[in-house]
All heavy atoms as atom14 arrays in JSON, in Angstrom:
{
  "sequence": "TETFAGQPSVGHDVRFFSLDLTNTCRIRSFRTAAGTVLVLSQVN",
  "atom14_mask": [
    [1, 1, 1, 1, 1, 1, 1, 0, 0, 0, 0, 0, 0, 0],
    [1, 1, 1, 1, 1, 1, 1, 1, 1, 0, 0, 0, 0, 0],
    [1, 1, 1, 1, 1, 1, 1, 0, 0, 0, 0, 0, 0, 0],
    [1, 1, 1, 1, 1, 1, 1, 1, 1, 1, 1, 0, 0, 0],
    [1, 1, 1, 1, 1, 0, 0, 0, 0, 0, 0, 0, 0, 0],
    [1, 1, 1, 1, 0, 0, 0, 0, 0, 0, 0, 0, 0, 0],
    [1, 1, 1, 1, 1, 1, 1, 1, 1, 0, 0, 0, 0, 0],
    [1, 1, 1, 1, 1, 1, 1, 0, 0, 0, 0, 0, 0, 0],
    [1, 1, 1, 1, 1, 1, 0, 0, 0, 0, 0, 0, 0, 0],
    [1, 1, 1, 1, 1, 1, 1, 0, 0, 0, 0, 0, 0, 0],
    [1, 1, 1, 1, 0, 0, 0, 0, 0, 0, 0, 0, 0, 0],
    [1, 1, 1, 1, 1, 1, 1, 1, 1, 1, 0, 0, 0, 0],
    [1, 1, 1, 1, 1, 1, 1, 1, 0, 0, 0, 0, 0, 0],
    [1, 1, 1, 1, 1, 1, 1, 0, 0, 0, 0, 0, 0, 0],
    [1, 1, 1, 1, 1, 1, 1, 1, 1, 1, 1, 0, 0, 0],
    [1, 1, 1, 1, 1, 1, 1, 1, 1, 1, 1, 0, 0, 0],
    [1, 1, 1, 1, 1, 1, 1, 1, 1, 1, 1, 0, 0, 0],
    [1, 1, 1, 1, 1, 1, 0, 0, 0, 0, 0, 0, 0, 0],
    [1, 1, 1, 1, 1, 1, 1, 1, 0, 0, 0, 0, 0, 0],
    [1, 1, 1, 1, 1, 1, 1, 1, 0, 0, 0, 0, 0, 0],
    [1, 1, 1, 1, 1, 1, 1, 1, 0, 0, 0, 0, 0, 0],
    [1, 1, 1, 1, 1, 1, 1, 0, 0, 0, 0, 0, 0, 0],
    [1, 1, 1, 1, 1, 1, 1, 1, 0, 0, 0, 0, 0, 0],
    [1, 1, 1, 1, 1, 1, 1, 0, 0, 0, 0, 0, 0, 0],
    [1, 1, 1, 1, 1, 1, 0, 0, 0, 0, 0, 0, 0, 0],
    [1, 1, 1, 1, 1, 1, 1, 1, 1, 1, 1, 0, 0, 0],
    [1, 1, 1, 1, 1, 1, 1, 1, 0, 0, 0, 0, 0, 0],
    [1, 1, 1, 1, 1, 1, 1, 1, 1, 1, 1, 0, 0, 0],
    [1, 1, 1, 1, 1, 1, 0, 0, 0, 0, 0, 0, 0, 0],
    [1, 1, 1, 1, 1, 1, 1, 1, 1, 1, 1, 0, 0, 0],
    [1, 1, 1, 1, 1, 1, 1, 1, 1, 1, 1, 0, 0, 0],
    [1, 1, 1, 1, 1, 1, 1, 0, 0, 0, 0, 0, 0, 0],
    [1, 1, 1, 1, 1, 0, 0, 0, 0, 0, 0, 0, 0, 0],
    [1, 1, 1, 1, 1, 0, 0, 0, 0, 0, 0, 0, 0, 0],
    [1, 1, 1, 1, 0, 0, 0, 0, 0, 0, 0, 0, 0, 0],
    [1, 1, 1, 1, 1, 1, 1, 0, 0, 0, 0, 0, 0, 0],
    [1, 1, 1, 1, 1, 1, 1, 0, 0, 0, 0, 0, 0, 0],
    [1, 1, 1, 1, 1, 1, 1, 1, 0, 0, 0, 0, 0, 0],
    [1, 1, 1, 1, 1, 1, 1, 0, 0, 0, 0, 0, 0, 0],
    [1, 1, 1, 1, 1, 1, 1, 1, 0, 0, 0, 0, 0, 0],
    [1, 1, 1, 1, 1, 1, 0, 0, 0, 0, 0, 0, 0, 0],
    [1, 1, 1, 1, 1, 1, 1, 1, 1, 0, 0, 0, 0, 0],
    [1, 1, 1, 1, 1, 1, 1, 0, 0, 0, 0, 0, 0, 0],
    [1, 1, 1, 1, 1, 1, 1, 1, 0, 0, 0, 0, 0, 0]
  ],
  "atom14_positions": [
    [[-13.89, -0.23, -20.26], [-14.85, 0.18, -19.23], [-15.45, -1.09, -18.67], [-15.68, -2.05, -19.41], [-15.97, 1.09, -19.78], [-16.66, 0.38, -20.81], [-15.41, 2.38, -20.36], [0.0, 0.0, 0.0], [0.0, 0.0, 0.0], [0.0, 0.0, 0.0], [0.0, 0.0, 0.0], [0.0, 0.0, 0.0], [0.0, 0.0, 0.0], [0.0, 0.0, 0.0]],
    [[-15.66, -1.12, -17.38], [-16.24, -2.29, -16.73], [-16.71, -1.91, -15.34], [-16.38, -0.83, -14.84], [-15.24, -3.45, -16.65], [-14.08, -3.19, -15.7], [-13.16, -4.4, -15.55], [-13.67, -5.53, -15.4], [-11.95, -4.2, -15.57], [0.0, 0.0, 0.0], [0.0, 0.0, 0.0], [0.0, 0.0, 0.0], [0.0, 0.0, 0.0], [0.0, 0.0, 0.0]],
    [[-17.45, -2.79, -14.73], [-17.79, -2.63, -13.33], [-16.64, -3.21, -12.52], [-16.24, -4.35, -12.74], [-19.1, -3.34, -12.99], [-20.14, -2.77, -13.79], [-19.46, -3.18, -11.52], [0.0, 0.0, 0.0], [0.0, 0.0, 0.0], [0.0, 0.0, 0.0], [0.0, 0.0, 0.0], [0.0, 0.0, 0.0], [0.0, 0.0, 0.0], [0.0, 0.0, 0.0]],
    [[-16.07, -2.4, -11.64], [-14.93, -2.81, -10.84], [-15.22, -2.43, -9.39], [-15.56, -1.29, -9.12], [-13.66, -2.1, -11.34], [-12.38, -2.67, -10.82], [-11.74, -3.68, -11.49], [-11.82, -2.18, -9.64], [-10.55, -4.21, -11.0], [-10.64, -2.7, -9.16], [-10.0, -3.72, -9.83], [0.0, 0.0, 0.0], [0.0, 0.0, 0.0], [0.0, 0.0, 0.0]],
    [[-15.13, -3.38, -8.49], [-15.47, -3.14, -7.08], [-16.91, -2.62, -6.96], [-17.2, -1.8, -6.1], [-14.48, -2.19, -6.42], [0.0, 0.0, 0.0], [0.0, 0.0, 0.0], [0.0, 0.0, 0.0], [0.0, 0.0, 0.0], [0.0, 0.0, 0.0], [0.0, 0.0, 0.0], [0.0, 0.0, 0.0], [0.0, 0.0, 0.0], [0.0, 0.0, 0.0]],
    [[-17.77, -3.07, -7.86], [-19.16, -2.65, -7.84], [-19.41, -1.26, -8.38], [-20.53, -0.76, -8.32], [0.0, 0.0, 0.0], [0.0, 0.0, 0.0], [0.0, 0.0, 0.0], [0.0, 0.0, 0.0], [0.0, 0.0, 0.0], [0.0, 0.0, 0.0], [0.0, 0.0, 0.0], [0.0, 0.0, 0.0], [0.0, 0.0, 0.0], [0.0, 0.0, 0.0]],
    [[-18.38, -0.62, -8.94], [-18.49, 0.75, -9.43], [-18.19, 0.8, -10.93], [-17.36, 0.03, -11.41], [-17.48, 1.67, -8.71], [-17.56, 1.63, -7.2], [-18.9, 2.09, -6.69], [-19.43, 3.09, -7.14], [-19.48, 1.34, -5.76], [0.0, 0.0, 0.0], [0.0, 0.0, 0.0], [0.0, 0.0, 0.0], [0.0, 0.0, 0.0], [0.0, 0.0, 0.0]],
    [[-18.82, 1.72, -11.65], [-18.43, 1.91, -13.05], [-16.98, 2.4, -13.1], [-16.6, 3.3, -12.34], [-19.38, 3.0, -13.57], [-20.42, 3.16, -12.52], [-19.89, 2.63, -11.24], [0.0, 0.0, 0.0], [0.0, 0.0, 0.0], [0.0, 0.0, 0.0], [0.0, 0.0, 0.0], [0.0, 0.0, 0.0], [0.0, 0.0, 0.0], [0.0, 0.0, 0.0]],
    [[-16.17, 1.78, -13.95], [-14.76, 2.17, -14.03], [-14.33, 2.33, -15.48], [-14.95, 1.8, -16.39], [-13.87, 1.14, -13.34], [-13.71, -0.01, -14.14], [0.0, 0.0, 0.0], [0.0, 0.0, 0.0], [0.0, 0.0, 0.0], [0.0, 0.0, 0.0], [0.0, 0.0, 0.0], [0.0, 0.0, 0.0], [0.0, 0.0, 0.0], [0.0, 0.0, 0.0]],
    [[-13.23, 3.06, -15.64], [-12.56, 3.17, -16.92], [-11.11, 2.76, -16.69], [-10.63, 2.75, -15.55], [-12.62, 4.6, -17.51], [-14.05, 5.03, -17.75], [-11.9, 5.6, -16.62], [0.0, 0.0, 0.0], [0.0, 0.0, 0.0], [0.0, 0.0, 0.0], [0.0, 0.0, 0.0], [0.0, 0.0, 0.0], [0.0, 0.0, 0.0], [0.0, 0.0, 0.0]],
    [[-10.43, 2.43, -17.77], [-9.03, 2.06, -17.61], [-8.41, 1.59, -18.89], [-8.92, 1.85, -19.99], [0.0, 0.0, 0.0], [0.0, 0.0, 0.0], [0.0, 0.0, 0.0], [0.0, 0.0, 0.0], [0.0, 0.0, 0.0], [0.0, 0.0, 0.0], [0.0, 0.0, 0.0], [0.0, 0.0, 0.0], [0.0, 0.0, 0.0], [0.0, 0.0, 0.0]],
    [[-7.31, 0.87, -18.71], [-6.53, 0.39, -19.84], [-5.97, -0.98, -19.51], [-5.54, -1.23, -18.37], [-5.36, 1.34, -20.14], [-5.8, 2.75, -20.39], [-6.28, 3.17, -21.61], [-5.86, 3.82, -19.57], [-6.6, 4.46, -21.52], [-6.36, 4.86, -20.29], [0.0, 0.0, 0.0], [0.0, 0.0, 0.0], [0.0, 0.0, 0.0], [0.0, 0.0, 0.0]],
    [[-5.97, -1.87, -20.49], [-5.24, -3.14, -20.42], [-3.97, -2.93, -21.23], [-4.03, -2.57, -22.42], [-6.07, -4.28, -21.0], [-7.28, -4.61, -20.14], [-7.22, -4.37, -18.91], [-8.28, -5.08, -20.69], [0.0, 0.0, 0.0], [0.0, 0.0, 0.0], [0.0, 0.0, 0.0], [0.0, 0.0, 0.0], [0.0, 0.0, 0.0], [0.0, 0.0, 0.0]],
    [[-2.83, -3.1, -20.58], [-1.55, -2.72, -21.16], [-0.63, -3.93, -21.24], [-0.6, -4.75, -20.32], [-0.88, -1.62, -20.29], [0.43, -1.16, -20.91], [-1.82, -0.44, -20.09], [0.0, 0.0, 0.0], [0.0, 0.0, 0.0], [0.0, 0.0, 0.0], [0.0, 0.0, 0.0], [0.0, 0.0, 0.0], [0.0, 0.0, 0.0], [0.0, 0.0, 0.0]],
    [[0.14, -4.01, -22.33], [1.16, -5.04, -22.5], [2.45, -4.37, -22.96], [2.42, -3.51, -23.84], [0.72, -6.08, -23.53], [-0.47, -6.91, -23.06], [-1.32, -7.44, -24.19], [-1.71, -6.48, -25.22], [-2.7, -5.57, -25.1], [-3.38, -5.47, -23.99], [-3.0, -4.76, -26.09], [0.0, 0.0, 0.0], [0.0, 0.0, 0.0], [0.0, 0.0, 0.0]],
    [[3.56, -4.78, -22.35], [4.85, -4.24, -22.76], [5.95, -5.25, -22.43], [5.76, -6.16, -21.64], [5.13, -2.89, -22.08], [5.18, -2.94, -20.58], [6.37, -3.15, -19.91], [4.02, -2.77, -19.84], [6.41, -3.2, -18.53], [4.05, -2.81, -18.45], [5.26, -3.03, -17.8], [0.0, 0.0, 0.0], [0.0, 0.0, 0.0], [0.0, 0.0, 0.0]],
    [[7.12, -5.06, -23.07], [8.27, -5.92, -22.83], [9.23, -5.23, -21.89], [9.51, -4.04, -22.01], [9.0, -6.25, -24.14], [8.2, -7.15, -25.04], [7.5, -6.62, -26.11], [8.14, -8.51, -24.8], [6.75, -7.44, -26.94], [7.39, -9.34, -25.62], [6.7, -8.8, -26.69], [0.0, 0.0, 0.0], [0.0, 0.0, 0.0], [0.0, 0.0, 0.0]],
    [[9.75, -6.01, -20.93], [10.78, -5.54, -20.02], [11.62, -6.75, -19.64], [11.08, -7.78, -19.23], [10.15, -4.91, -18.78], [11.16, -4.52, -17.86], [0.0, 0.0, 0.0], [0.0, 0.0, 0.0], [0.0, 0.0, 0.0], [0.0, 0.0, 0.0], [0.0, 0.0, 0.0], [0.0, 0.0, 0.0], [0.0, 0.0, 0.0], [0.0, 0.0, 0.0]],
    [[12.93, -6.62, -19.78], [13.85, -7.72, -19.48], [13.45, -9.0, -20.21], [13.45, -10.1, -19.65], [13.92, -7.97, -17.97], [14.34, -6.77, -17.12], [14.22, -7.1, -15.64], [15.74, -6.32, -17.47], [0.0, 0.0, 0.0], [0.0, 0.0, 0.0], [0.0, 0.0, 0.0], [0.0, 0.0, 0.0], [0.0, 0.0, 0.0], [0.0, 0.0, 0.0]],
    [[13.08, -8.86, -21.48], [12.7, -9.98, -22.36], [11.45, -10.72, -21.89], [11.2, -11.86, -22.31], [13.85, -10.97, -22.53], [15.03, -10.37, -23.26], [14.8, -9.49, -24.12], [16.16, -10.78, -22.98], [0.0, 0.0, 0.0], [0.0, 0.0, 0.0], [0.0, 0.0, 0.0], [0.0, 0.0, 0.0], [0.0, 0.0, 0.0], [0.0, 0.0, 0.0]],
    [[10.67, -10.11, -21.03], [9.42, -10.71, -20.57], [8.25, -9.84, -20.98], [8.36, -8.6, -20.99], [9.42, -10.87, -19.05], [10.47, -11.8, -18.47], [10.47, -11.71, -16.95], [10.23, -13.24, -18.91], [0.0, 0.0, 0.0], [0.0, 0.0, 0.0], [0.0, 0.0, 0.0], [0.0, 0.0, 0.0], [0.0, 0.0, 0.0], [0.0, 0.0, 0.0]],
    [[7.13, -10.48, -21.28], [5.91, -9.73, -21.52], [5.28, -9.4, -20.17], [5.12, -10.29, -19.33], [4.92, -10.55, -22.37], [5.54, -10.9, -23.59], [3.65, -9.75, -22.64], [0.0, 0.0, 0.0], [0.0, 0.0, 0.0], [0.0, 0.0, 0.0], [0.0, 0.0, 0.0], [0.0, 0.0, 0.0], [0.0, 0.0, 0.0], [0.0, 0.0, 0.0]],
    [[4.96, -8.16, -19.97], [4.29, -7.71, -18.76], [2.88, -7.29, -19.1], [2.64, -6.65, -20.13], [5.05, -6.54, -18.14], [6.34, -6.96, -17.5], [6.4, -7.21, -16.31], [7.39, -7.09, -18.31], [0.0, 0.0, 0.0], [0.0, 0.0, 0.0], [0.0, 0.0, 0.0], [0.0, 0.0, 0.0], [0.0, 0.0, 0.0], [0.0, 0.0, 0.0]],
    [[1.96, -7.63, -18.22], [0.58, -7.23, -18.37], [0.23, -6.33, -17.21], [0.48, -6.68, -16.05], [-0.36, -8.46, -18.38], [0.05, -9.32, -19.45], [-1.81, -8.04, -18.56], [0.0, 0.0, 0.0], [0.0, 0.0, 0.0], [0.0, 0.0, 0.0], [0.0, 0.0, 0.0], [0.0, 0.0, 0.0], [0.0, 0.0, 0.0], [0.0, 0.0, 0.0]],
    [[-0.34, -5.19, -17.53], [-0.72, -4.22, -16.51], [-2.18, -3.85, -16.72], [-2.6, -3.58, -17.85], [0.16, -2.98, -16.64], [-0.22, -1.68, -15.47], [0.0, 0.0, 0.0], [0.0, 0.0, 0.0], [0.0, 0.0, 0.0], [0.0, 0.0, 0.0], [0.0, 0.0, 0.0], [0.0, 0.0, 0.0], [0.0, 0.0, 0.0], [0.0, 0.0, 0.0]],
    [[-2.95, -3.89, -15.63], [-4.36, -3.47, -15.68], [-4.49, -2.18, -14.88], [-4.09, -2.13, -13.72], [-5.26, -4.54, -15.08], [-5.37, -5.79, -15.93], [-6.3, -6.8, -15.34], [-7.63, -6.23, -15.17], [-8.56, -6.73, -14.37], [-8.32, -7.8, -13.66], [-9.75, -6.17, -14.29], [0.0, 0.0, 0.0], [0.0, 0.0, 0.0], [0.0, 0.0, 0.0]],
    [[-5.03, -1.18, -15.52], [-5.28, 0.12, -14.88], [-6.78, 0.31, -14.82], [-7.47, 0.21, -15.84], [-4.64, 1.27, -15.71], [-3.13, 1.08, -15.83], [-5.0, 2.62, -15.11], [-2.49, 1.98, -16.88], [0.0, 0.0, 0.0], [0.0, 0.0, 0.0], [0.0, 0.0, 0.0], [0.0, 0.0, 0.0], [0.0, 0.0, 0.0], [0.0, 0.0, 0.0]],
    [[-7.31, 0.6, -13.63], [-8.73, 0.88, -13.47], [-8.89, 2.08, -12.55], [-8.17, 2.21, -11.55], [-9.49, -0.31, -12.87], [-9.44, -1.58, -13.7], [-10.17, -1.42, -15.04], [-10.2, -2.65, -15.79], [-9.27, -3.04, -16.65], [-8.2, -2.3, -16.88], [-9.41, -4.17, -17.31], [0.0, 0.0, 0.0], [0.0, 0.0, 0.0], [0.0, 0.0, 0.0]],
    [[-9.87, 2.92, -12.86], [-10.17, 4.08, -12.02], [-11.67, 4.2, -11.86], [-12.43, 3.97, -12.82], [-9.59, 5.35, -12.65], [-9.78, 6.46, -11.79], [0.0, 0.0, 0.0], [0.0, 0.0, 0.0], [0.0, 0.0, 0.0], [0.0, 0.0, 0.0], [0.0, 0.0, 0.0], [0.0, 0.0, 0.0], [0.0, 0.0, 0.0], [0.0, 0.0, 0.0]],
    [[-12.09, 4.55, -10.64], [-13.51, 4.69, -10.34], [-13.68, 5.64, -9.16], [-12.72, 6.0, -8.49], [-14.15, 3.32, -10.05], [-13.47, 2.54, -8.95], [-13.88, 2.68, -7.64], [-12.43, 1.68, -9.25], [-13.25, 1.97, -6.62], [-11.8, 0.96, -8.25], [-12.21, 1.11, -6.93], [0.0, 0.0, 0.0], [0.0, 0.0, 0.0], [0.0, 0.0, 0.0]],
    [[-14.91, 6.02, -8.9], [-15.23, 6.94, -7.8], [-15.8, 6.17, -6.61], [-16.49, 5.17, -6.77], [-16.29, 7.95, -8.24], [-15.8, 8.89, -9.27], [-15.69, 10.24, -8.68], [-15.47, 11.18, -9.77], [-14.8, 12.27, -9.62], [-14.35, 12.62, -8.44], [-14.62, 13.08, -10.63], [0.0, 0.0, 0.0], [0.0, 0.0, 0.0], [0.0, 0.0, 0.0]],
    [[-15.5, 6.71, -5.43], [-16.11, 6.24, -4.2], [-16.55, 7.47, -3.4], [-16.25, 8.61, -3.8], [-15.13, 5.42, -3.33], [-14.16, 6.31, -2.76], [-14.45, 4.33, -4.12], [0.0, 0.0, 0.0], [0.0, 0.0, 0.0], [0.0, 0.0, 0.0], [0.0, 0.0, 0.0], [0.0, 0.0, 0.0], [0.0, 0.0, 0.0], [0.0, 0.0, 0.0]],
    [[-17.2, 7.24, -2.29], [-17.6, 8.34, -1.42], [-16.38, 9.12, -0.92], [-16.45, 10.32, -0.68], [-18.41, 7.82, -0.24], [0.0, 0.0, 0.0], [0.0, 0.0, 0.0], [0.0, 0.0, 0.0], [0.0, 0.0, 0.0], [0.0, 0.0, 0.0], [0.0, 0.0, 0.0], [0.0, 0.0, 0.0], [0.0, 0.0, 0.0], [0.0, 0.0, 0.0]],
    [[-15.24, 8.43, -0.79], [-14.02, 9.06, -0.25], [-13.21, 9.8, -1.3], [-12.37, 10.63, -0.96], [-13.16, 8.01, 0.42], [0.0, 0.0, 0.0], [0.0, 0.0, 0.0], [0.0, 0.0, 0.0], [0.0, 0.0, 0.0], [0.0, 0.0, 0.0], [0.0, 0.0, 0.0], [0.0, 0.0, 0.0], [0.0, 0.0, 0.0], [0.0, 0.0, 0.0]],
    [[-13.41, 9.5, -2.6], [-12.63, 10.17, -3.64], [-12.51, 9.3, -4.88], [-13.27, 8.35, -5.08], [0.0, 0.0, 0.0], [0.0, 0.0, 0.0], [0.0, 0.0, 0.0], [0.0, 0.0, 0.0], [0.0, 0.0, 0.0], [0.0, 0.0, 0.0], [0.0, 0.0, 0.0], [0.0, 0.0, 0.0], [0.0, 0.0, 0.0], [0.0, 0.0, 0.0]],
    [[-11.52, 9.62, -5.69], [-11.24, 8.87, -6.93], [-10.17, 7.82, -6.63], [-9.16, 8.13, -6.01], [-10.76, 9.82, -8.04], [-11.7, 10.89, -8.18], [-10.64, 9.09, -9.37], [0.0, 0.0, 0.0], [0.0, 0.0, 0.0], [0.0, 0.0, 0.0], [0.0, 0.0, 0.0], [0.0, 0.0, 0.0], [0.0, 0.0, 0.0], [0.0, 0.0, 0.0]],
    [[-10.42, 6.61, -7.1], [-9.51, 5.5, -6.83], [-8.84, 5.06, -8.12], [-9.48, 4.99, -9.18], [-10.27, 4.31, -6.2], [-9.36, 3.11, -6.0], [-10.92, 4.73, -4.89], [0.0, 0.0, 0.0], [0.0, 0.0, 0.0], [0.0, 0.0, 0.0], [0.0, 0.0, 0.0], [0.0, 0.0, 0.0], [0.0, 0.0, 0.0], [0.0, 0.0, 0.0]],
    [[-7.55, 4.75, -8.02], [-6.8, 4.15, -9.13], [-6.26, 2.82, -8.64], [-5.64, 2.74, -7.58], [-5.62, 5.04, -9.54], [-4.73, 4.47, -10.65], [-5.47, 4.52, -11.99], [-3.42, 5.22, -10.74], [0.0, 0.0, 0.0], [0.0, 0.0, 0.0], [0.0, 0.0, 0.0], [0.0, 0.0, 0.0], [0.0, 0.0, 0.0], [0.0, 0.0, 0.0]],
    [[-6.54, 1.76, -9.41], [-6.01, 0.43, -9.12], [-5.13, 0.03, -10.3], [-5.56, 0.1, -11.44], [-7.13, -0.61, -8.92], [-6.55, -2.0, -8.68], [-8.06, -0.2, -7.79], [0.0, 0.0, 0.0], [0.0, 0.0, 0.0], [0.0, 0.0, 0.0], [0.0, 0.0, 0.0], [0.0, 0.0, 0.0], [0.0, 0.0, 0.0], [0.0, 0.0, 0.0]],
    [[-3.9, -0.36, -9.99], [-2.96, -0.77, -11.02], [-2.36, -2.1, -10.58], [-1.84, -2.21, -9.47], [-1.86, 0.28, -11.19], [-0.88, 0.06, -12.32], [-0.45, 1.4, -12.9], [0.33, -0.73, -11.87], [0.0, 0.0, 0.0], [0.0, 0.0, 0.0], [0.0, 0.0, 0.0], [0.0, 0.0, 0.0], [0.0, 0.0, 0.0], [0.0, 0.0, 0.0]],
    [[-2.46, -3.12, -11.43], [-1.84, -4.41, -11.14], [-0.93, -4.78, -12.3], [-1.21, -4.45, -13.45], [-2.89, -5.49, -10.91], [-3.65, -5.71, -12.09], [0.0, 0.0, 0.0], [0.0, 0.0, 0.0], [0.0, 0.0, 0.0], [0.0, 0.0, 0.0], [0.0, 0.0, 0.0], [0.0, 0.0, 0.0], [0.0, 0.0, 0.0], [0.0, 0.0, 0.0]],
    [[0.19, -5.44, -11.96], [1.15, -5.8, -13.0], [1.79, -7.15, -12.7], [2.13, -7.45, -11.55], [2.24, -4.73, -13.09], [3.22, -4.95, -14.21], [4.19, -3.79, -14.34], [3.78, -2.64, -14.34], [5.47, -4.1, -14.44], [0.0, 0.0, 0.0], [0.0, 0.0, 0.0], [0.0, 0.0, 0.0], [0.0, 0.0, 0.0], [0.0, 0.0, 0.0]],
    [[1.94, -7.95, -13.76], [2.54, -9.27, -13.64], [3.24, -9.61, -14.95], [2.83, -9.14, -16.02], [1.45, -10.32, -13.29], [0.43, -10.46, -14.4], [2.06, -11.66, -12.91], [0.0, 0.0, 0.0], [0.0, 0.0, 0.0], [0.0, 0.0, 0.0], [0.0, 0.0, 0.0], [0.0, 0.0, 0.0], [0.0, 0.0, 0.0], [0.0, 0.0, 0.0]],
    [[4.31, -10.4, -14.88], [4.97, -10.82, -16.12], [4.49, -12.22, -16.52], [3.83, -12.9, -15.74], [6.5, -10.74, -16.02], [7.1, -11.78, -15.11], [6.8, -12.96, -15.2], [7.97, -11.35, -14.2], [0.0, 0.0, 0.0], [0.0, 0.0, 0.0], [0.0, 0.0, 0.0], [0.0, 0.0, 0.0], [0.0, 0.0, 0.0], [0.0, 0.0, 0.0]]
  ]
}
């Protein structure tokens, strides 16, 4: 849980192997006036 884009958010920090590389994925979700937002970023 953290403040993300100025909003309280929940999510997961994820690590997994693909093609012999470690991948890191950040999942965050929070509310805005327009609806529920999901942000997912991934890098090896």
